C-alpha atoms as a PDB file:
ATOM      1  CA  MET A   1      74.925 113.392  64.174  1.00  0.00           C
ATOM      2  CA  LYS A   2      76.697 116.820  65.048  1.00  0.00           C
ATOM      3  CA  THR A   3      80.498 116.807  66.036  1.00  0.00           C
ATOM      4  CA  MET A   4      79.693 118.565  69.012  1.00  0.00           C
ATOM      5  CA  THR A   5      77.041 115.871  70.283  1.00  0.00           C
ATOM      6  CA  LEU A   6      79.901 113.307  69.543  1.00  0.00           C
ATOM      7  CA  VAL A   7      82.181 115.337  71.525  1.00  0.00           C
ATOM      8  CA  LYS A   8      79.752 115.723  74.560  1.00  0.00           C
ATOM      9  CA  ILE A   9      79.075 111.957  74.485  1.00  0.00           C
ATOM     10  CA  GLY A  10      82.751 111.161  74.613  1.00  0.00           C
ATOM     11  CA  ALA A  11      83.515 113.490  77.239  1.00  0.00           C
ATOM     12  CA  ILE A  12      80.502 112.250  79.674  1.00  0.00           C
ATOM     13  CA  GLY A  13      81.804 108.490  78.742  1.00  0.00           C
ATOM     14  CA  GLY A  14      85.455 109.708  79.806  1.00  0.00           C
ATOM     15  CA  ILE A  15      84.008 111.305  82.879  1.00  0.00           C
ATOM     16  CA  LEU A  16      82.214 108.137  84.002  1.00  0.00           C
ATOM     17  CA  THR A  17      85.110 105.517  83.100  1.00  0.00           C
ATOM     18  CA  CYS A  18      87.305 107.728  85.338  1.00  0.00           C
ATOM     19  CA  SER A  19      84.827 107.975  88.277  1.00  0.00           C
ATOM     20  CA  MET A  20      84.044 104.225  88.083  1.00  0.00           C
ATOM     21  CA  GLY A  21      87.776 103.481  88.189  1.00  0.00           C
ATOM     22  CA  MET A  22      88.342 105.867  91.156  1.00  0.00           C
ATOM     23  CA  ALA A  23      85.400 104.277  92.930  1.00  0.00           C
ATOM     24  CA  LEU A  24      86.723 100.721  92.432  1.00  0.00           C
ATOM     25  CA  GLN A  25      90.397 102.021  93.401  1.00  0.00           C
ATOM     26  CA  TYR A  26      88.750 103.360  96.831  1.00  0.00           C
ATOM     27  CA  LYS A  27      86.634 100.198  97.207  1.00  0.00           C
ATOM     28  CA  LEU A  28      89.855  97.560  96.724  1.00  0.00           C
ATOM     29  CA  SER A  29      91.695  99.905  99.271  1.00  0.00           C
ATOM     30  CA  ASN A  30      88.999 100.012 101.703  1.00  0.00           C
ATOM     31  CA  ASN A  31      88.720  95.890 101.632  1.00  0.00           C
ATOM     32  CA  VAL A  32      92.514  95.640 102.542  1.00  0.00           C
ATOM     33  CA  LYS A  33      92.104  98.393 105.254  1.00  0.00           C
ATOM     34  CA  GLN A  34      89.375  96.287 106.598  1.00  0.00           C
ATOM     35  CA  THR A  35      91.615  93.330 107.294  1.00  0.00           C
ATOM     36  CA  GLU A  36      93.144  92.041 110.622  1.00  0.00           C
ATOM     37  CA  PHE A  37      96.507  92.443 109.263  1.00  0.00           C
ATOM     38  CA  TYR A  38      96.396  95.930 108.181  1.00  0.00           C
ATOM     39  CA  LYS A  39      94.970  96.793 111.215  1.00  0.00           C
ATOM     40  CA  GLU A  40      97.451  94.968 113.260  1.00  0.00           C
ATOM     41  CA  SER A  41     100.192  96.785 111.197  1.00  0.00           C
ATOM     42  CA  MET A  42      98.885 100.142 111.766  1.00  0.00           C
ATOM     43  CA  ASN A  43      98.695  99.565 115.699  1.00  0.00           C
ATOM     44  CA  LEU A  44     102.075  98.341 115.627  1.00  0.00           C
ATOM     45  CA  VAL A  45     103.585 101.350 113.695  1.00  0.00           C
ATOM     46  CA  ARG A  46     101.610 103.878 115.534  1.00  0.00           C
ATOM     47  CA  HIS A  47     102.647 102.472 118.989  1.00  0.00           C
ATOM     48  CA  ASN A  48     106.324 101.929 117.814  1.00  0.00           C
ATOM     49  CA  LYS A  49     108.425 104.354 119.654  1.00  0.00           C
ATOM     50  CA  ALA A  50     111.186 104.482 116.684  1.00  0.00           C
ATOM     51  CA  ALA A  51     108.500 105.126 114.126  1.00  0.00           C
ATOM     52  CA  ILE A  52     106.832 107.745 116.395  1.00  0.00           C
ATOM     53  CA  HIS A  53     110.394 109.387 116.937  1.00  0.00           C
ATOM     54  CA  PHE A  54     110.930 109.551 113.039  1.00  0.00           C
ATOM     55  CA  LEU A  55     107.481 110.496 111.624  1.00  0.00           C
ATOM     56  CA  GLY A  56     106.008 112.343 114.630  1.00  0.00           C
ATOM     57  CA  GLU A  57     102.340 112.276 115.750  1.00  0.00           C
ATOM     58  CA  PRO A  58      99.633 111.464 114.680  1.00  0.00           C
ATOM     59  CA  ILE A  59     100.874 109.030 112.522  1.00  0.00           C
ATOM     60  CA  LYS A  60      97.962 108.728 109.155  1.00  0.00           C
ATOM     61  CA  ASP A  61      97.696 106.453 106.430  1.00  0.00           C
ATOM     62  CA  ALA A  62      96.518 107.132 102.940  1.00  0.00           C
ATOM     63  CA  THR A  63      94.736 105.141 100.260  1.00  0.00           C
ATOM     64  CA  ILE A  64      96.401 101.972  98.985  1.00  0.00           C
ATOM     65  CA  GLU A  65      97.345 102.555  95.324  1.00  0.00           C
ATOM     66  CA  MET A  66      96.048  99.010  94.237  1.00  0.00           C
ATOM     67  CA  VAL A  67      96.422  99.678  90.642  1.00  0.00           C
ATOM     68  CA  ASN A  68     100.096  99.219  90.831  1.00  0.00           C
ATOM     69  CA  SER A  69     100.348  95.606  90.766  1.00  0.00           C
ATOM     70  CA  ASN A  70     104.498  95.713  91.193  1.00  0.00           C
ATOM     71  CA  VAL A  71     104.168  97.024  94.611  1.00  0.00           C
ATOM     72  CA  ASN A  72     100.785  95.930  96.125  1.00  0.00           C
ATOM     73  CA  TYR A  73      99.825  92.356  95.244  1.00  0.00           C
ATOM     74  CA  LEU A  74      98.225  89.142  96.593  1.00  0.00           C
ATOM     75  CA  THR A  75      99.007  85.695  95.600  1.00  0.00           C
ATOM     76  CA  ASP A  76      97.612  82.278  96.724  1.00  0.00           C
ATOM     77  CA  THR A  77     100.303  82.113  99.271  1.00  0.00           C
ATOM     78  CA  GLU A  78     101.560  85.602 100.140  1.00  0.00           C
ATOM     79  CA  GLY A  79     101.051  89.390  99.613  1.00  0.00           C
ATOM     80  CA  LYS A  80     102.511  92.740  99.902  1.00  0.00           C
ATOM     81  CA  TYR A  81     100.970  96.121 100.567  1.00  0.00           C
ATOM     82  CA  GLU A  82     102.852  99.478 100.363  1.00  0.00           C
ATOM     83  CA  VAL A  83     100.948 102.056 102.586  1.00  0.00           C
ATOM     84  CA  LYS A  84     102.035 105.859 102.529  1.00  0.00           C
ATOM     85  CA  LEU A  85     102.329 107.503 105.895  1.00  0.00           C
ATOM     86  CA  LYS A  86     102.331 111.147 107.031  1.00  0.00           C
ATOM     87  CA  GLY A  87     103.562 112.171 110.381  1.00  0.00           C
ATOM     88  CA  SER A  88     103.949 115.405 111.936  1.00  0.00           C
ATOM     89  CA  LYS A  89     107.540 115.376 111.032  1.00  0.00           C
ATOM     90  CA  GLN A  90     107.758 113.558 107.694  1.00  0.00           C
ATOM     91  CA  LYS A  91     106.310 111.091 105.504  1.00  0.00           C
ATOM     92  CA  GLY A  92     107.123 107.646 104.989  1.00  0.00           C
ATOM     93  CA  LYS A  93     106.012 104.458 103.417  1.00  0.00           C
ATOM     94  CA  LEU A  94     105.019 100.911 105.576  1.00  0.00           C
ATOM     95  CA  TYR A  95     105.494  97.645 103.798  1.00  0.00           C
ATOM     96  CA  ILE A  96     103.265  95.152 104.804  1.00  0.00           C
ATOM     97  CA  TYR A  97     104.238  91.441 104.070  1.00  0.00           C
ATOM     98  CA  ILE A  98     101.752  88.813 104.596  1.00  0.00           C
ATOM     99  CA  LYS A  99     101.863  85.051 104.436  1.00  0.00           C
ATOM    100  CA  LYS A 100      98.604  82.665 103.776  1.00  0.00           C
ATOM    101  CA  GLU A 101      97.257  80.554 106.565  1.00  0.00           C
ATOM    102  CA  LYS A 102      95.812  76.953 105.662  1.00  0.00           C
ATOM    103  CA  ASN A 103      92.148  78.375 105.467  1.00  0.00           C
ATOM    104  CA  GLU A 104      90.704  80.116 102.282  1.00  0.00           C
ATOM    105  CA  GLY A 105      90.229  83.942 101.771  1.00  0.00           C
ATOM    106  CA  ILE A 106      91.919  87.327 102.402  1.00  0.00           C
ATOM    107  CA  GLN A 107      91.006  87.106 106.058  1.00  0.00           C
ATOM    108  CA  ASN A 108      93.385  84.247 106.605  1.00  0.00           C
ATOM    109  CA  PHE A 109      96.597  85.858 105.535  1.00  0.00           C
ATOM    110  CA  LYS A 110      98.594  86.564 108.802  1.00  0.00           C
ATOM    111  CA  LEU A 111     101.611  89.168 109.062  1.00  0.00           C
ATOM    112  CA  ASP A 112     104.932  88.039 108.008  1.00  0.00           C
ATOM    113  CA  HIS A 113     106.896  91.313 108.692  1.00  0.00           C
ATOM    114  CA  VAL A 114     106.514  94.831 108.842  1.00  0.00           C
ATOM    115  CA  GLU A 115     109.046  97.692 107.440  1.00  0.00           C
ATOM    116  CA  LEU A 116     109.243 101.468 107.595  1.00  0.00           C
ATOM    117  CA  GLU A 117     110.776 103.588 105.084  1.00  0.00           C
ATOM    118  CA  LEU A 118     111.455 107.200 105.973  1.00  0.00           C
ATOM    119  CA  LYS A 119     111.135 109.888 103.056  1.00  0.00           C
ATOM    120  CA  ASN A 120     114.629 111.164 104.011  1.00  0.00           C
ATOM    121  CA  GLN A 121     116.250 107.939 103.918  1.00  0.00           C
ATOM    122  CA  PRO A 122     114.667 105.833 101.065  1.00  0.00           C
ATOM    123  CA  ASP A 123     117.680 103.279 100.837  1.00  0.00           C
ATOM    124  CA  LYS A 124     116.977 102.350 104.426  1.00  0.00           C
ATOM    125  CA  ARG A 125     113.968 100.586 106.242  1.00  0.00           C
ATOM    126  CA  LEU A 126     113.284 100.049 109.899  1.00  0.00           C
ATOM    127  CA  LEU A 127     111.889  96.590 110.500  1.00  0.00           C
ATOM    128  CA  ILE A 128     109.097  97.106 112.849  1.00  0.00           C
ATOM    129  CA  ARG A 129     107.979  93.687 113.244  1.00  0.00           C
ATOM    130  CA  ASN A 130     109.504  90.230 111.854  1.00  0.00           C
ATOM    131  CA  GLU A 131     106.957  87.057 112.326  1.00  0.00           C
ATOM    132  CA  LYS A 132     109.799  84.683 111.734  1.00  0.00           C
ATOM    133  CA  HIS A 133     111.455  85.702 115.008  1.00  0.00           C
ATOM    134  CA  ASN A 134     108.182  86.617 116.659  1.00  0.00           C
ATOM    135  CA  ASP A 135     109.904  90.003 117.476  1.00  0.00           C
ATOM    136  CA  GLU A 136     109.094  93.812 117.309  1.00  0.00           C
ATOM    137  CA  TYR A 137     111.913  96.156 116.626  1.00  0.00           C
ATOM    138  CA  PRO A 138     113.396  98.787 117.693  1.00  0.00           C
ATOM    139  CA  GLN A 139     111.643 100.369 120.633  1.00  0.00           C
ATOM    140  CA  PHE A 140     114.656 102.826 121.815  1.00  0.00           C
END
């Protein structure tokens, strides 16, 4: 076999591997976005006056980077997801913490708390919701 033929086969294989990885990333991210806890979290941040004040409207979410297991993970009892947000004023990250209910499956995870980190203040977080106290914070 000629060297050029092997190079072409390798290039096609590399492109297919990258494409499949990107498709899997999109599918996993989309699965999380279809859950009730994700929809509830996005609804909370989009209607929170403090989040609107700092980020600006409209607040848009990006694809969740599922390959980063240090930031985004799901165990038998809990999970955490980091969602990049973009508003008209600045960018931020929404941290969604979930706890498992008694039943099985990802749909049986419920919100524990939700935090917002702003790009210009990465050392501080705005607590949007805390299930332990059944509260939503702050509304200005």
